[in-house]
Amino acid sequence: MNKEELIKQISQKAKVSQKEAGECLNATIDAISNALAKGDKITLVGFGTFQVRQRAAREGRNPRTGSVLKIPAKKSPVWTAGKTLKERVEGKKKAAVAGGKKK
């Protein structure tokens, strides 16, 4: 599924125009990106967690020449699936209705 297909699904589920769904998706992506750029952690309970991890400097090899390269330390965005999402993917749990009633 690509971004355009995701926008169509959001539009149908939320009963809004594709333009509005696209704006919401873009705003969500921007908010997550900005939070990660500041080093914040974003947790969407049941879905997953976005965070930044520090990668240590290390040595690597050029696969063509075999020469040793120094790979500098860097920060990388990481996403970890939540328990509910993992269960749905494994077929252990049925799809939840968004905006459902709490008991």
PDB file of N, CA and C in Angstrom:
ATOM      1  N   MET A   1       0.851  -1.176   0.000  1.00  0.00           N
ATOM      2  CA  MET A   1       0.000   0.000   0.000  1.00  0.00           C
ATOM      3  C   MET A   1       0.894   1.236   0.000  1.00  0.00           C
ATOM      4  N   ASN A   2       0.564   2.187  -0.845  1.00  0.00           N
ATOM      5  CA  ASN A   2       1.322   3.433  -0.870  1.00  0.00           C
ATOM      6  C   ASN A   2       0.510   4.545  -0.187  1.00  0.00           C
ATOM      7  N   LYS A   3       1.078   5.741  -0.155  1.00  0.00           N
ATOM      8  CA  LYS A   3       0.453   6.857   0.557  1.00  0.00           C
ATOM      9  C   LYS A   3      -0.922   7.195  -0.029  1.00  0.00           C
ATOM     10  N   GLU A   4      -1.031   7.195  -1.345  1.00  0.00           N
ATOM     11  CA  GLU A   4      -2.299   7.526  -2.002  1.00  0.00           C
ATOM     12  C   GLU A   4      -3.395   6.522  -1.621  1.00  0.00           C
ATOM     13  N   GLU A   5      -3.056   5.246  -1.598  1.00  0.00           N
ATOM     14  CA  GLU A   5      -4.025   4.212  -1.219  1.00  0.00           C
ATOM     15  C   GLU A   5      -4.417   4.345   0.253  1.00  0.00           C
ATOM     16  N   LEU A   6      -3.462   4.698   1.098  1.00  0.00           N
ATOM     17  CA  LEU A   6      -3.740   4.908   2.515  1.00  0.00           C
ATOM     18  C   LEU A   6      -4.700   6.084   2.699  1.00  0.00           C
ATOM     19  N   ILE A   7      -4.478   7.160   1.960  1.00  0.00           N
ATOM     20  CA  ILE A   7      -5.360   8.333   2.033  1.00  0.00           C
ATOM     21  C   ILE A   7      -6.780   7.947   1.627  1.00  0.00           C
ATOM     22  N   LYS A   8      -6.935   7.138   0.586  1.00  0.00           N
ATOM     23  CA  LYS A   8      -8.269   6.691   0.158  1.00  0.00           C
ATOM     24  C   LYS A   8      -8.961   5.904   1.262  1.00  0.00           C
ATOM     25  N   GLN A   9      -8.225   5.012   1.917  1.00  0.00           N
ATOM     26  CA  GLN A   9      -8.821   4.222   3.005  1.00  0.00           C
ATOM     27  C   GLN A   9      -9.215   5.102   4.185  1.00  0.00           C
ATOM     28  N   ILE A  10      -8.348   6.053   4.542  1.00  0.00           N
ATOM     29  CA  ILE A  10      -8.661   6.972   5.645  1.00  0.00           C
ATOM     30  C   ILE A  10      -9.908   7.772   5.299  1.00  0.00           C
ATOM     31  N   SER A  11      -9.976   8.253   4.069  1.00  0.00           N
ATOM     32  CA  SER A  11     -11.107   9.039   3.593  1.00  0.00           C
ATOM     33  C   SER A  11     -12.416   8.260   3.723  1.00  0.00           C
ATOM     34  N   GLN A  12     -12.396   7.003   3.314  1.00  0.00           N
ATOM     35  CA  GLN A  12     -13.603   6.174   3.377  1.00  0.00           C
ATOM     36  C   GLN A  12     -13.992   5.862   4.819  1.00  0.00           C
ATOM     37  N   LYS A  13     -13.027   5.492   5.647  1.00  0.00           N
ATOM     38  CA  LYS A  13     -13.316   5.130   7.048  1.00  0.00           C
ATOM     39  C   LYS A  13     -13.809   6.323   7.857  1.00  0.00           C
ATOM     40  N   ALA A  14     -13.170   7.487   7.658  1.00  0.00           N
ATOM     41  CA  ALA A  14     -13.504   8.676   8.447  1.00  0.00           C
ATOM     42  C   ALA A  14     -14.626   9.500   7.819  1.00  0.00           C
ATOM     43  N   LYS A  15     -15.068   9.091   6.621  1.00  0.00           N
ATOM     44  CA  LYS A  15     -16.125   9.804   5.895  1.00  0.00           C
ATOM     45  C   LYS A  15     -15.776  11.281   5.704  1.00  0.00           C
ATOM     46  N   VAL A  16     -14.550  11.508   5.221  1.00  0.00           N
ATOM     47  CA  VAL A  16     -14.081  12.854   4.884  1.00  0.00           C
ATOM     48  C   VAL A  16     -13.549  12.815   3.458  1.00  0.00           C
ATOM     49  N   SER A  17     -13.300  13.987   2.887  1.00  0.00           N
ATOM     50  CA  SER A  17     -12.762  14.027   1.523  1.00  0.00           C
ATOM     51  C   SER A  17     -11.327  13.506   1.517  1.00  0.00           C
ATOM     52  N   GLN A  18     -10.876  13.101   0.336  1.00  0.00           N
ATOM     53  CA  GLN A  18      -9.492  12.636   0.220  1.00  0.00           C
ATOM     54  C   GLN A  18      -8.524  13.770   0.523  1.00  0.00           C
ATOM     55  N   LYS A  19      -8.904  15.000   0.193  1.00  0.00           N
ATOM     56  CA  LYS A  19      -8.043  16.148   0.491  1.00  0.00           C
ATOM     57  C   LYS A  19      -7.864  16.295   2.002  1.00  0.00           C
ATOM     58  N   GLU A  20      -8.972  16.210   2.743  1.00  0.00           N
ATOM     59  CA  GLU A  20      -8.900  16.320   4.205  1.00  0.00           C
ATOM     60  C   GLU A  20      -8.111  15.158   4.806  1.00  0.00           C
ATOM     61  N   ALA A  21      -8.341  13.962   4.294  1.00  0.00           N
ATOM     62  CA  ALA A  21      -7.612  12.789   4.786  1.00  0.00           C
ATOM     63  C   ALA A  21      -6.119  12.949   4.521  1.00  0.00           C
ATOM     64  N   GLY A  22      -5.759  13.467   3.344  1.00  0.00           N
ATOM     65  CA  GLY A  22      -4.355  13.694   3.001  1.00  0.00           C
ATOM     66  C   GLY A  22      -3.715  14.725   3.910  1.00  0.00           C
ATOM     67  N   GLU A  23      -4.466  15.794   4.210  1.00  0.00           N
ATOM     68  CA  GLU A  23      -3.947  16.831   5.107  1.00  0.00           C
ATOM     69  C   GLU A  23      -3.727  16.272   6.509  1.00  0.00           C
ATOM     70  N   CYS A  24      -4.654  15.433   6.973  1.00  0.00           N
ATOM     71  CA  CYS A  24      -4.504  14.810   8.301  1.00  0.00           C
ATOM     72  C   CYS A  24      -3.302  13.881   8.330  1.00  0.00           C
ATOM     73  N   LEU A  25      -3.145  13.071   7.289  1.00  0.00           N
ATOM     74  CA  LEU A  25      -2.010  12.153   7.238  1.00  0.00           C
ATOM     75  C   LEU A  25      -0.702  12.934   7.206  1.00  0.00           C
ATOM     76  N   ASN A  26      -0.635  13.983   6.376  1.00  0.00           N
ATOM     77  CA  ASN A  26       0.583  14.797   6.303  1.00  0.00           C
ATOM     78  C   ASN A  26       0.882  15.474   7.639  1.00  0.00           C
ATOM     79  N   ALA A  27      -0.163  15.957   8.317  1.00  0.00           N
ATOM     80  CA  ALA A  27       0.030  16.593   9.626  1.00  0.00           C
ATOM     81  C   ALA A  27       0.548  15.578  10.646  1.00  0.00           C
ATOM     82  N   THR A  28       0.033  14.350  10.582  1.00  0.00           N
ATOM     83  CA  THR A  28       0.486  13.290  11.491  1.00  0.00           C
ATOM     84  C   THR A  28       1.948  12.955  11.241  1.00  0.00           C
ATOM     85  N   ILE A  29       2.303  12.796   9.973  1.00  0.00           N
ATOM     86  CA  ILE A  29       3.697  12.487   9.618  1.00  0.00           C
ATOM     87  C   ILE A  29       4.622  13.618  10.052  1.00  0.00           C
ATOM     88  N   ASP A  30       4.196  14.872   9.841  1.00  0.00           N
ATOM     89  CA  ASP A  30       5.007  16.024  10.257  1.00  0.00           C
ATOM     90  C   ASP A  30       5.189  16.052  11.773  1.00  0.00           C
ATOM     91  N   ALA A  31       4.110  15.792  12.513  1.00  0.00           N
ATOM     92  CA  ALA A  31       4.185  15.816  13.978  1.00  0.00           C
ATOM     93  C   ALA A  31       5.139  14.736  14.491  1.00  0.00           C
ATOM     94  N   ILE A  32       5.051  13.545  13.921  1.00  0.00           N
ATOM     95  CA  ILE A  32       5.944  12.455  14.331  1.00  0.00           C
ATOM     96  C   ILE A  32       7.383  12.794  13.972  1.00  0.00           C
ATOM     97  N   SER A  33       7.602  13.300  12.759  1.00  0.00           N
ATOM     98  CA  SER A  33       8.955  13.654  12.309  1.00  0.00           C
ATOM     99  C   SER A  33       9.568  14.739  13.181  1.00  0.00           C
ATOM    100  N   ASN A  34       8.780  15.769  13.499  1.00  0.00           N
ATOM    101  CA  ASN A  34       9.283  16.866  14.335  1.00  0.00           C
ATOM    102  C   ASN A  34       9.623  16.382  15.741  1.00  0.00           C
ATOM    103  N   ALA A  35       8.777  15.523  16.300  1.00  0.00           N
ATOM    104  CA  ALA A  35       9.046  14.990  17.641  1.00  0.00           C
ATOM    105  C   ALA A  35      10.322  14.152  17.639  1.00  0.00           C
ATOM    106  N   LEU A  36      10.500  13.315  16.622  1.00  0.00           N
ATOM    107  CA  LEU A  36      11.715  12.496  16.537  1.00  0.00           C
ATOM    108  C   LEU A  36      12.955  13.368  16.360  1.00  0.00           C
ATOM    109  N   ALA A  37      12.837  14.440  15.574  1.00  0.00           N
ATOM    110  CA  ALA A  37      13.973  15.340  15.357  1.00  0.00           C
ATOM    111  C   ALA A  37      14.412  15.991  16.671  1.00  0.00           C
ATOM    112  N   LYS A  38      13.456  16.181  17.602  1.00  0.00           N
ATOM    113  CA  LYS A  38      13.781  16.743  18.917  1.00  0.00           C
ATOM    114  C   LYS A  38      14.259  15.671  19.889  1.00  0.00           C
ATOM    115  N   GLY A  39      14.196  14.412  19.473  1.00  0.00           N
ATOM    116  CA  GLY A  39      14.626  13.326  20.348  1.00  0.00           C
ATOM    117  C   GLY A  39      13.515  12.741  21.198  1.00  0.00           C
ATOM    118  N   ASP A  40      12.267  13.148  20.929  1.00  0.00           N
ATOM    119  CA  ASP A  40      11.134  12.637  21.699  1.00  0.00           C
ATOM    120  C   ASP A  40      10.761  11.221  21.266  1.00  0.00           C
ATOM    121  N   LYS A  41      10.044  10.542  22.133  1.00  0.00           N
ATOM    122  CA  LYS A  41       9.536   9.193  21.869  1.00  0.00           C
ATOM    123  C   LYS A  41       8.021   9.304  21.710  1.00  0.00           C
ATOM    124  N   ILE A  42       7.458   8.669  20.690  1.00  0.00           N
ATOM    125  CA  ILE A  42       6.025   8.715  20.437  1.00  0.00           C
ATOM    126  C   ILE A  42       5.461   7.314  20.599  1.00  0.00           C
ATOM    127  N   THR A  43       4.514   7.149  21.516  1.00  0.00           N
ATOM    128  CA  THR A  43       3.902   5.844  21.739  1.00  0.00           C
ATOM    129  C   THR A  43       2.423   5.916  21.393  1.00  0.00           C
ATOM    130  N   LEU A  44       1.995   5.071  20.471  1.00  0.00           N
ATOM    131  CA  LEU A  44       0.590   4.919  20.121  1.00  0.00           C
ATOM    132  C   LEU A  44       0.190   3.548  20.671  1.00  0.00           C
ATOM    133  N   VAL A  45      -0.449   3.554  21.831  1.00  0.00           N
ATOM    134  CA  VAL A  45      -0.733   2.319  22.559  1.00  0.00           C
ATOM    135  C   VAL A  45      -1.447   1.317  21.648  1.00  0.00           C
ATOM    136  N   GLY A  46      -0.915   0.109  21.611  1.00  0.00           N
ATOM    137  CA  GLY A  46      -1.477  -0.955  20.795  1.00  0.00           C
ATOM    138  C   GLY A  46      -0.937  -0.988  19.382  1.00  0.00           C
ATOM    139  N   PHE A  47      -0.498   0.163  18.865  1.00  0.00           N
ATOM    140  CA  PHE A  47       0.021   0.228  17.496  1.00  0.00           C
ATOM    141  C   PHE A  47       1.534   0.105  17.469  1.00  0.00           C
ATOM    142  N   GLY A  48       2.212   0.980  18.215  1.00  0.00           N
ATOM    143  CA  GLY A  48       3.665   0.900  18.237  1.00  0.00           C
ATOM    144  C   GLY A  48       4.314   2.154  18.792  1.00  0.00           C
ATOM    145  N   THR A  49       5.640   2.135  18.796  1.00  0.00           N
ATOM    146  CA  THR A  49       6.428   3.232  19.349  1.00  0.00           C
ATOM    147  C   THR A  49       7.481   3.677  18.352  1.00  0.00           C
ATOM    148  N   PHE A  50       7.540   4.989  18.146  1.00  0.00           N
ATOM    149  CA  PHE A  50       8.577   5.607  17.329  1.00  0.00           C
ATOM    150  C   PHE A  50       9.584   6.225  18.280  1.00  0.00           C
ATOM    151  N   GLN A  51      10.871   6.029  18.025  1.00  0.00           N
ATOM    152  CA  GLN A  51      11.906   6.657  18.848  1.00  0.00           C
ATOM    153  C   GLN A  51      13.200   6.775  18.052  1.00  0.00           C
ATOM    154  N   VAL A  52      14.150   7.499  18.623  1.00  0.00           N
ATOM    155  CA  VAL A  52      15.455   7.676  17.992  1.00  0.00           C
ATOM    156  C   VAL A  52      16.470   6.868  18.788  1.00  0.00           C
ATOM    157  N   ARG A  53      17.289   6.116  18.081  1.00  0.00           N
ATOM    158  CA  ARG A  53      18.361   5.345  18.728  1.00  0.00           C
ATOM    159  C   ARG A  53      19.706   5.855  18.249  1.00  0.00           C
ATOM    160  N   GLN A  54      20.641   5.909  19.178  1.00  0.00           N
ATOM    161  CA  GLN A  54      22.012   6.303  18.855  1.00  0.00           C
ATOM    162  C   GLN A  54      22.767   5.066  18.392  1.00  0.00           C
ATOM    163  N   ARG A  55      23.336   5.131  17.225  1.00  0.00           N
ATOM    164  CA  ARG A  55      24.153   4.031  16.696  1.00  0.00           C
ATOM    165  C   ARG A  55      25.614   4.377  16.939  1.00  0.00           C
ATOM    166  N   ALA A  56      26.359   3.456  17.496  1.00  0.00           N
ATOM    167  CA  ALA A  56      27.772   3.679  17.803  1.00  0.00           C
ATOM    168  C   ALA A  56      28.606   3.667  16.524  1.00  0.00           C
ATOM    169  N   ALA A  57      29.735   4.358  16.578  1.00  0.00           N
ATOM    170  CA  ALA A  57      30.681   4.305  15.460  1.00  0.00           C
ATOM    171  C   ALA A  57      31.205   2.876  15.355  1.00  0.00           C
ATOM    172  N   ARG A  58      31.504   2.460  14.139  1.00  0.00           N
ATOM    173  CA  ARG A  58      31.999   1.094  13.952  1.00  0.00           C
ATOM    174  C   ARG A  58      32.830   1.007  12.685  1.00  0.00           C
ATOM    175  N   GLU A  59      33.480  -0.117  12.537  1.00  0.00           N
ATOM    176  CA  GLU A  59      34.247  -0.364  11.322  1.00  0.00           C
ATOM    177  C   GLU A  59      33.420  -1.221  10.383  1.00  0.00           C
ATOM    178  N   GLY A  60      33.520  -0.920   9.100  1.00  0.00           N
ATOM    179  CA  GLY A  60      32.841  -1.706   8.082  1.00  0.00           C
ATOM    180  C   GLY A  60      33.830  -2.025   6.974  1.00  0.00           C
ATOM    181  N   ARG A  61      33.364  -2.713   5.969  1.00  0.00           N
ATOM    182  CA  ARG A  61      34.228  -3.052   4.837  1.00  0.00           C
ATOM    183  C   ARG A  61      33.551  -2.669   3.534  1.00  0.00           C
ATOM    184  N   ASN A  62      34.356  -2.189   2.603  1.00  0.00           N
ATOM    185  CA  ASN A  62      33.881  -1.938   1.252  1.00  0.00           C
ATOM    186  C   ASN A  62      33.741  -3.310   0.595  1.00  0.00           C
ATOM    187  N   PRO A  63      32.533  -3.710   0.186  1.00  0.00           N
ATOM    188  CA  PRO A  63      32.355  -5.050  -0.360  1.00  0.00           C
ATOM    189  C   PRO A  63      33.114  -5.276  -1.674  1.00  0.00           C
ATOM    190  N   ARG A  64      33.381  -4.216  -2.390  1.00  0.00           N
ATOM    191  CA  ARG A  64      34.074  -4.349  -3.668  1.00  0.00           C
ATOM    192  C   ARG A  64      35.581  -4.542  -3.486  1.00  0.00           C
ATOM    193  N   THR A  65      36.165  -3.718  -2.590  1.00  0.00           N
ATOM    194  CA  THR A  65      37.628  -3.750  -2.440  1.00  0.00           C
ATOM    195  C   THR A  65      38.088  -4.492  -1.193  1.00  0.00           C
ATOM    196  N   GLY A  66      37.193  -4.635  -0.213  1.00  0.00           N
ATOM    197  CA  GLY A  66      37.569  -5.286   1.033  1.00  0.00           C
ATOM    198  C   GLY A  66      38.277  -4.359   2.004  1.00  0.00           C
ATOM    199  N   SER A  67      38.481  -3.093   1.622  1.00  0.00           N
ATOM    200  CA  SER A  67      39.181  -2.161   2.510  1.00  0.00           C
ATOM    201  C   SER A  67      38.295  -1.787   3.702  1.00  0.00           C
ATOM    202  N   VAL A  68      38.943  -1.515   4.837  1.00  0.00           N
ATOM    203  CA  VAL A  68      38.243  -1.169   6.073  1.00  0.00           C
ATOM    204  C   VAL A  68      37.806   0.288   6.005  1.00  0.00           C
ATOM    205  N   LEU A  69      36.551   0.532   6.402  1.00  0.00           N
ATOM    206  CA  LEU A  69      35.994   1.884   6.437  1.00  0.00           C
ATOM    207  C   LEU A  69      35.580   2.213   7.859  1.00  0.00           C
ATOM    208  N   LYS A  70      35.664   3.480   8.216  1.00  0.00           N
ATOM    209  CA  LYS A  70      35.190   3.916   9.520  1.00  0.00           C
ATOM    210  C   LYS A  70      33.783   4.486   9.314  1.00  0.00           C
ATOM    211  N   ILE A  71      32.801   3.865   9.953  1.00  0.00           N
ATOM    212  CA  ILE A  71      31.420   4.324   9.859  1.00  0.00           C
ATOM    213  C   ILE A  71      31.133   5.149  11.107  1.00  0.00           C
ATOM    214  N   PRO A  72      30.797   6.441  10.934  1.00  0.00           N
ATOM    215  CA  PRO A  72      30.609   7.315  12.097  1.00  0.00           C
ATOM    216  C   PRO A  72      29.336   6.987  12.882  1.00  0.00           C
ATOM    217  N   ALA A  73      29.307   7.435  14.132  1.00  0.00           N
ATOM    218  CA  ALA A  73      28.115   7.291  14.969  1.00  0.00           C
ATOM    219  C   ALA A  73      27.001   8.128  14.354  1.00  0.00           C
ATOM    220  N   LYS A  74      25.762   7.688  14.551  1.00  0.00           N
ATOM    221  CA  LYS A  74      24.634   8.457  14.025  1.00  0.00           C
ATOM    222  C   LYS A  74      23.371   8.119  14.794  1.00  0.00           C
ATOM    223  N   LYS A  75      22.359   8.947  14.599  1.00  0.00           N
ATOM    224  CA  LYS A  75      21.044   8.709  15.178  1.00  0.00           C
ATOM    225  C   LYS A  75      20.157   8.133  14.084  1.00  0.00           C
ATOM    226  N   SER A  76      19.348   7.127  14.442  1.00  0.00           N
ATOM    227  CA  SER A  76      18.449   6.497  13.480  1.00  0.00           C
ATOM    228  C   SER A  76      17.039   6.421  14.053  1.00  0.00           C
ATOM    229  N   PRO A  77      16.019   6.725  13.226  1.00  0.00           N
ATOM    230  CA  PRO A  77      14.652   6.534  13.694  1.00  0.00           C
ATOM    231  C   PRO A  77      14.328   5.042  13.727  1.00  0.00           C
ATOM    232  N   VAL A  78      13.596   4.628  14.761  1.00  0.00           N
ATOM    233  CA  VAL A  78      13.255   3.218  14.941  1.00  0.00           C
ATOM    234  C   VAL A  78      11.769   3.128  15.282  1.00  0.00           C
ATOM    235  N   TRP A  79      11.118   2.111  14.750  1.00  0.00           N
ATOM    236  CA  TRP A  79       9.720   1.853  15.081  1.00  0.00           C
ATOM    237  C   TRP A  79       9.591   0.432  15.595  1.00  0.00           C
ATOM    238  N   THR A  80       8.860   0.267  16.703  1.00  0.00           N
ATOM    239  CA  THR A  80       8.628  -1.046  17.288  1.00  0.00           C
ATOM    240  C   THR A  80       7.123  -1.287  17.345  1.00  0.00           C
ATOM    241  N   ALA A  81       6.666  -2.401  16.805  1.00  0.00           N
ATOM    242  CA  ALA A  81       5.238  -2.726  16.792  1.00  0.00           C
ATOM    243  C   ALA A  81       4.728  -2.985  18.199  1.00  0.00           C
ATOM    244  N   GLY A  82       3.493  -2.539  18.459  1.00  0.00           N
ATOM    245  CA  GLY A  82       2.850  -2.770  19.743  1.00  0.00           C
ATOM    246  C   GLY A  82       2.223  -4.156  19.822  1.00  0.00           C
ATOM    247  N   LYS A  83       1.851  -4.550  21.016  1.00  0.00           N
ATOM    248  CA  LYS A  83       1.311  -5.886  21.270  1.00  0.00           C
ATOM    249  C   LYS A  83       0.037  -6.149  20.459  1.00  0.00           C
ATOM    250  N   THR A  84      -0.898  -5.210  20.456  1.00  0.00           N
ATOM    251  CA  THR A  84      -2.161  -5.404  19.749  1.00  0.00           C
ATOM    252  C   THR A  84      -1.936  -5.569  18.252  1.00  0.00           C
ATOM    253  N   LEU A  85      -1.060  -4.758  17.679  1.00  0.00           N
ATOM    254  CA  LEU A  85      -0.763  -4.869  16.250  1.00  0.00           C
ATOM    255  C   LEU A  85      -0.125  -6.215  15.938  1.00  0.00           C
ATOM    256  N   LYS A  86       0.806  -6.633  16.764  1.00  0.00           N
ATOM    257  CA  LYS A  86       1.452  -7.935  16.556  1.00  0.00           C
ATOM    258  C   LYS A  86       0.414  -9.056  16.574  1.00  0.00           C
ATOM    259  N   GLU A  87      -0.528  -8.981  17.513  1.00  0.00           N
ATOM    260  CA  GLU A  87      -1.567 -10.009  17.615  1.00  0.00           C
ATOM    261  C   GLU A  87      -2.471 -10.011  16.386  1.00  0.00           C
ATOM    262  N   ARG A  88      -2.801  -8.833  15.863  1.00  0.00           N
ATOM    263  CA  ARG A  88      -3.639  -8.757  14.657  1.00  0.00           C
ATOM    264  C   ARG A  88      -2.922  -9.339  13.455  1.00  0.00           C
ATOM    265  N   VAL A  89      -1.649  -9.049  13.316  1.00  0.00           N
ATOM    266  CA  VAL A  89      -0.870  -9.567  12.191  1.00  0.00           C
ATOM    267  C   VAL A  89      -0.768 -11.087  12.274  1.00  0.00           C
ATOM    268  N   GLU A  90      -0.639 -11.608  13.486  1.00  0.00           N
ATOM    269  CA  GLU A  90      -0.545 -13.054  13.686  1.00  0.00           C
ATOM    270  C   GLU A  90      -1.905 -13.737  13.568  1.00  0.00           C
ATOM    271  N   GLY A  91      -2.988 -12.961  13.478  1.00  0.00           N
ATOM    272  CA  GLY A  91      -4.325 -13.528  13.360  1.00  0.00           C
ATOM    273  C   GLY A  91      -4.949 -13.912  14.683  1.00  0.00           C
ATOM    274  N   LYS A  92      -4.370 -13.463  15.782  1.00  0.00           N
ATOM    275  CA  LYS A  92      -4.884 -13.803  17.113  1.00  0.00           C
ATOM    276  C   LYS A  92      -5.992 -12.858  17.570  1.00  0.00           C
ATOM    277  N   LYS A  93      -6.083 -11.694  16.934  1.00  0.00           N
ATOM    278  CA  LYS A  93      -7.036 -10.685  17.374  1.00  0.00           C
ATOM    279  C   LYS A  93      -7.751 -10.108  16.159  1.00  0.00           C
ATOM    280  N   LYS A  94      -9.059  -9.848  16.289  1.00  0.00           N
ATOM    281  CA  LYS A  94      -9.824  -9.256  15.198  1.00  0.00           C
ATOM    282  C   LYS A  94      -9.599  -7.752  15.171  1.00  0.00           C
ATOM    283  N   ALA A  95      -9.907  -7.148  14.018  1.00  0.00           N
ATOM    284  CA  ALA A  95      -9.748  -5.705  13.852  1.00  0.00           C
ATOM    285  C   ALA A  95     -10.658  -4.964  14.823  1.00  0.00           C
ATOM    286  N   ALA A  96     -10.097  -3.971  15.484  1.00  0.00           N
ATOM    287  CA  ALA A  96     -10.864  -3.148  16.415  1.00  0.00           C
ATOM    288  C   ALA A  96     -11.559  -2.043  15.642  1.00  0.00           C
ATOM    289  N   VAL A  97     -12.715  -1.623  16.116  1.00  0.00           N
ATOM    290  CA  VAL A  97     -13.440  -0.534  15.482  1.00  0.00           C
ATOM    291  C   VAL A  97     -12.905   0.772  16.044  1.00  0.00           C
ATOM    292  N   ALA A  98     -12.410   1.646  15.170  1.00  0.00           N
ATOM    293  CA  ALA A  98     -11.879   2.933  15.616  1.00  0.00           C
ATOM    294  C   ALA A  98     -13.004   3.757  16.228  1.00  0.00           C
ATOM    295  N   GLY A  99     -12.707   4.403  17.339  1.00  0.00           N
ATOM    296  CA  GLY A  99     -13.694   5.256  17.989  1.00  0.00           C
ATOM    297  C   GLY A  99     -14.784   4.464  18.690  1.00  0.00           C
ATOM    298  N   GLY A 100     -14.510   3.209  18.991  1.00  0.00           N
ATOM    299  CA  GLY A 100     -15.489   2.357  19.665  1.00  0.00           C
ATOM    300  C   GLY A 100     -15.754   2.820  21.087  1.00  0.00           C
ATOM    301  N   LYS A 101     -16.825   2.289  21.677  1.00  0.00           N
ATOM    302  CA  LYS A 101     -17.186   2.677  23.042  1.00  0.00           C
ATOM    303  C   LYS A 101     -16.291   1.975  24.048  1.00  0.00           C
ATOM    304  N   LYS A 102     -15.939   2.724  25.105  1.00  0.00           N
ATOM    305  CA  LYS A 102     -15.186   2.133  26.214  1.00  0.00           C
ATOM    306  C   LYS A 102     -16.176   1.573  27.210  1.00  0.00           C
ATOM    307  N   LYS A 103     -15.817   0.475  27.826  1.00  0.00           N
ATOM    308  CA  LYS A 103     -16.704  -0.132  28.828  1.00  0.00           C
ATOM    309  C   LYS A 103     -16.244   0.220  30.205  1.00  0.00           C
TER     310      LYS A 103
END
